[in-house]
C-alpha atoms as a PDB file:
ATOM      1  CA  MET A   1     -30.990 127.005 -71.651  1.00  0.00           C
ATOM      2  CA  ASN A   2     -34.146 128.891 -71.446  1.00  0.00           C
ATOM      3  CA  ILE A   3     -35.695 131.442 -74.783  1.00  0.00           C
ATOM      4  CA  ASP A   4     -34.676 134.515 -73.135  1.00  0.00           C
ATOM      5  CA  VAL A   5     -30.782 133.382 -72.675  1.00  0.00           C
ATOM      6  CA  ALA A   6     -30.915 131.716 -76.263  1.00  0.00           C
ATOM      7  CA  LEU A   7     -32.059 135.075 -77.985  1.00  0.00           C
ATOM      8  CA  LYS A   8     -29.344 136.846 -76.100  1.00  0.00           C
ATOM      9  CA  GLU A   9     -26.609 134.277 -77.477  1.00  0.00           C
ATOM     10  CA  ALA A  10     -28.464 134.770 -80.925  1.00  0.00           C
ATOM     11  CA  MET A  11     -28.178 138.110 -80.596  1.00  0.00           C
ATOM     12  CA  SER A  12     -23.814 138.310 -79.592  1.00  0.00           C
ATOM     13  CA  ILE A  13     -23.367 136.321 -82.848  1.00  0.00           C
ATOM     14  CA  GLY A  14     -21.672 139.185 -85.264  1.00  0.00           C
ATOM     15  CA  GLY A  15     -23.464 141.020 -87.524  1.00  0.00           C
ATOM     16  CA  ALA A  16     -26.459 140.070 -85.196  1.00  0.00           C
ATOM     17  CA  ILE A  17     -29.604 142.403 -86.499  1.00  0.00           C
ATOM     18  CA  GLY A  18     -32.768 140.423 -84.798  1.00  0.00           C
ATOM     19  CA  VAL A  19     -33.671 136.999 -83.935  1.00  0.00           C
ATOM     20  CA  ALA A  20     -36.956 135.326 -82.892  1.00  0.00           C
ATOM     21  CA  LEU A  21     -38.343 131.406 -81.680  1.00  0.00           C
ATOM     22  CA  VAL A  22     -41.178 130.841 -84.074  1.00  0.00           C
ATOM     23  CA  ASP A  23     -43.709 128.038 -83.860  1.00  0.00           C
ATOM     24  CA  TYR A  24     -44.545 127.503 -87.185  1.00  0.00           C
ATOM     25  CA  GLU A  25     -48.049 125.829 -86.902  1.00  0.00           C
ATOM     26  CA  SER A  26     -49.274 128.875 -85.052  1.00  0.00           C
ATOM     27  CA  GLY A  27     -46.925 131.756 -86.876  1.00  0.00           C
ATOM     28  CA  MET A  28     -46.745 132.859 -83.096  1.00  0.00           C
ATOM     29  CA  SER A  29     -43.242 134.488 -82.277  1.00  0.00           C
ATOM     30  CA  LEU A  30     -42.273 132.844 -78.331  1.00  0.00           C
ATOM     31  CA  GLY A  31     -40.060 135.741 -78.024  1.00  0.00           C
ATOM     32  CA  THR A  32     -37.674 138.159 -79.807  1.00  0.00           C
ATOM     33  CA  SER A  33     -34.480 140.238 -79.270  1.00  0.00           C
ATOM     34  CA  GLY A  34     -33.204 143.109 -81.565  1.00  0.00           C
ATOM     35  CA  GLY A  35     -35.108 144.557 -84.626  1.00  0.00           C
ATOM     36  CA  GLY A  36     -36.086 147.718 -84.475  1.00  0.00           C
ATOM     37  CA  ASP A  37     -38.263 150.328 -86.244  1.00  0.00           C
ATOM     38  CA  TRP A  38     -37.360 148.706 -90.095  1.00  0.00           C
ATOM     39  CA  LEU A  39     -37.585 145.264 -89.063  1.00  0.00           C
ATOM     40  CA  ASN A  40     -40.907 144.366 -87.232  1.00  0.00           C
ATOM     41  CA  LEU A  41     -39.816 140.482 -86.280  1.00  0.00           C
ATOM     42  CA  GLU A  42     -43.359 139.675 -85.247  1.00  0.00           C
ATOM     43  CA  VAL A  43     -44.303 140.463 -89.011  1.00  0.00           C
ATOM     44  CA  ALA A  44     -40.859 138.654 -90.264  1.00  0.00           C
ATOM     45  CA  ALA A  45     -41.838 135.594 -88.234  1.00  0.00           C
ATOM     46  CA  ALA A  46     -45.538 135.042 -89.405  1.00  0.00           C
ATOM     47  CA  GLY A  47     -44.153 135.684 -92.602  1.00  0.00           C
ATOM     48  CA  ASN A  48     -41.221 133.254 -92.834  1.00  0.00           C
ATOM     49  CA  THR A  49     -43.932 130.457 -90.973  1.00  0.00           C
ATOM     50  CA  GLU A  50     -45.140 130.411 -94.640  1.00  0.00           C
ATOM     51  CA  VAL A  51     -41.816 129.756 -95.591  1.00  0.00           C
ATOM     52  CA  VAL A  52     -41.464 126.599 -94.031  1.00  0.00           C
ATOM     53  CA  ARG A  53     -44.432 125.199 -94.693  1.00  0.00           C
ATOM     54  CA  SER A  54     -44.379 125.840 -98.310  1.00  0.00           C
ATOM     55  CA  LYS A  55     -40.931 124.091 -98.580  1.00  0.00           C
ATOM     56  CA  LEU A  56     -42.091 121.078 -95.816  1.00  0.00           C
ATOM     57  CA  ARG A  57     -45.158 121.008 -98.156  1.00  0.00           C
ATOM     58  CA  VAL A  58     -42.711 120.357-101.055  1.00  0.00           C
ATOM     59  CA  ILE A  59     -40.366 117.935 -99.271  1.00  0.00           C
ATOM     60  CA  SER A  60     -43.818 115.904 -98.761  1.00  0.00           C
ATOM     61  CA  THR A  61     -44.793 115.887-102.249  1.00  0.00           C
ATOM     62  CA  LEU A  62     -41.758 115.147-103.595  1.00  0.00           C
ATOM     63  CA  GLY A  63     -41.464 112.339-100.767  1.00  0.00           C
ATOM     64  CA  LEU A  64     -37.980 113.305-100.201  1.00  0.00           C
ATOM     65  CA  GLY A  65     -38.379 111.729 -96.490  1.00  0.00           C
ATOM     66  CA  ASP A  66     -35.700 114.328 -95.067  1.00  0.00           C
ATOM     67  CA  ASN A  67     -35.984 116.808 -92.889  1.00  0.00           C
ATOM     68  CA  ILE A  68     -35.311 120.785 -93.370  1.00  0.00           C
ATOM     69  CA  GLU A  69     -32.005 122.121 -91.423  1.00  0.00           C
ATOM     70  CA  ASP A  70     -32.283 125.843 -92.280  1.00  0.00           C
ATOM     71  CA  ILE A  71     -33.329 128.151 -94.766  1.00  0.00           C
ATOM     72  CA  LEU A  72     -31.153 131.005 -96.489  1.00  0.00           C
ATOM     73  CA  ILE A  73     -32.381 133.666 -97.664  1.00  0.00           C
ATOM     74  CA  THR A  74     -29.809 136.175 -99.105  1.00  0.00           C
ATOM     75  CA  LEU A  75     -30.544 140.031 -99.778  1.00  0.00           C
ATOM     76  CA  HIS A  76     -28.162 142.805-100.788  1.00  0.00           C
ATOM     77  CA  ARG A  77     -27.644 143.630 -97.576  1.00  0.00           C
ATOM     78  CA  GLN A  78     -28.495 140.795 -95.480  1.00  0.00           C
ATOM     79  CA  TYR A  79     -28.687 137.051 -94.497  1.00  0.00           C
ATOM     80  CA  HIS A  80     -32.324 135.748 -93.022  1.00  0.00           C
ATOM     81  CA  LEU A  81     -31.187 132.411 -91.756  1.00  0.00           C
ATOM     82  CA  ILE A  82     -34.274 130.084 -90.857  1.00  0.00           C
ATOM     83  CA  ARG A  83     -32.979 127.316 -88.458  1.00  0.00           C
ATOM     84  CA  LEU A  84     -35.600 124.480 -87.480  1.00  0.00           C
ATOM     85  CA  MET A  85     -35.257 123.381 -83.942  1.00  0.00           C
ATOM     86  CA  SER A  86     -35.176 119.228 -84.495  1.00  0.00           C
ATOM     87  CA  GLY A  87     -33.655 119.133 -81.434  1.00  0.00           C
ATOM     88  CA  VAL A  88     -35.916 120.163 -79.083  1.00  0.00           C
ATOM     89  CA  LYS A  89     -37.868 117.416 -78.791  1.00  0.00           C
ATOM     90  CA  SER A  90     -41.042 118.280 -76.780  1.00  0.00           C
ATOM     91  CA  ARG A  91     -41.771 121.263 -79.743  1.00  0.00           C
ATOM     92  CA  GLU A  92     -40.899 120.174 -83.042  1.00  0.00           C
ATOM     93  CA  SER A  93     -42.488 123.382 -84.670  1.00  0.00           C
ATOM     94  CA  LEU A  94     -40.082 125.611 -84.001  1.00  0.00           C
ATOM     95  CA  PHE A  95     -37.891 127.874 -85.837  1.00  0.00           C
ATOM     96  CA  LEU A  96     -35.138 130.194 -85.012  1.00  0.00           C
ATOM     97  CA  TYR A  97     -35.141 133.378 -87.025  1.00  0.00           C
ATOM     98  CA  LEU A  98     -31.452 135.155 -87.262  1.00  0.00           C
ATOM     99  CA  VAL A  99     -31.462 138.389 -89.670  1.00  0.00           C
ATOM    100  CA  LEU A 100     -27.642 138.893 -90.279  1.00  0.00           C
ATOM    101  CA  ASP A 101     -26.012 142.421 -91.638  1.00  0.00           C
ATOM    102  CA  ARG A 102     -23.994 140.935 -94.552  1.00  0.00           C
ATOM    103  CA  GLU A 103     -20.694 143.140 -94.427  1.00  0.00           C
ATOM    104  CA  VAL A 104     -20.202 142.203 -90.908  1.00  0.00           C
ATOM    105  CA  ALA A 105     -21.362 138.306 -90.361  1.00  0.00           C
ATOM    106  CA  ASN A 106     -19.666 135.247 -91.049  1.00  0.00           C
ATOM    107  CA  LEU A 107     -22.455 132.941 -92.336  1.00  0.00           C
ATOM    108  CA  ALA A 108     -20.537 129.783 -91.932  1.00  0.00           C
ATOM    109  CA  LEU A 109     -20.024 130.985 -88.094  1.00  0.00           C
ATOM    110  CA  ALA A 110     -23.323 131.724 -87.429  1.00  0.00           C
ATOM    111  CA  ARG A 111     -24.860 128.767 -88.955  1.00  0.00           C
ATOM    112  CA  HIS A 112     -22.606 127.137 -86.245  1.00  0.00           C
ATOM    113  CA  GLN A 113     -23.482 129.420 -83.485  1.00  0.00           C
ATOM    114  CA  LEU A 114     -27.291 128.678 -84.208  1.00  0.00           C
ATOM    115  CA  LYS A 115     -26.921 125.147 -84.296  1.00  0.00           C
ATOM    116  CA  ARG A 116     -25.361 125.269 -80.422  1.00  0.00           C
ATOM    117  CA  ILE A 117     -28.186 127.512 -79.401  1.00  0.00           C
ATOM    118  CA  GLU A 118     -30.622 125.110 -80.820  1.00  0.00           C
ATOM    119  CA  SER A 119     -29.080 121.827 -78.841  1.00  0.00           C
ATOM    120  CA  ASP A 120     -28.987 123.903 -75.380  1.00  0.00           C
ATOM    121  CA  LEU A 121     -32.508 125.198 -75.885  1.00  0.00           C
ATOM    122  CA  GLN A 122     -34.988 123.780 -73.377  1.00  0.00           C
ATOM    123  CA  VAL A 123     -38.486 125.112 -74.240  1.00  0.00           C
END
């Protein structure tokens, strides 16, 4: 599946507010969908790049020898889910960033669906 289809599928996840495919080496978004006036996905993508880089440094410093599957940030009204793209062999510096309405979303199902999208995505 290409980027546009992947973003559309991510937006079909229950409670989805916005989604971005981001390269954490550059901080640039390869595509976005949703968002709105109060959720600038370009700014959020750049900010979450720092979150991913920081966590990767901590894992390296601790010598854990492991990889990040996803990072969850919970707010009072939203879930912010960052899914690193280990399945995209040509671009291992990518992550999917999904914002969900906490009152509507099923977090376990959203994680499962993002994992499927990741495995089908071709960049």
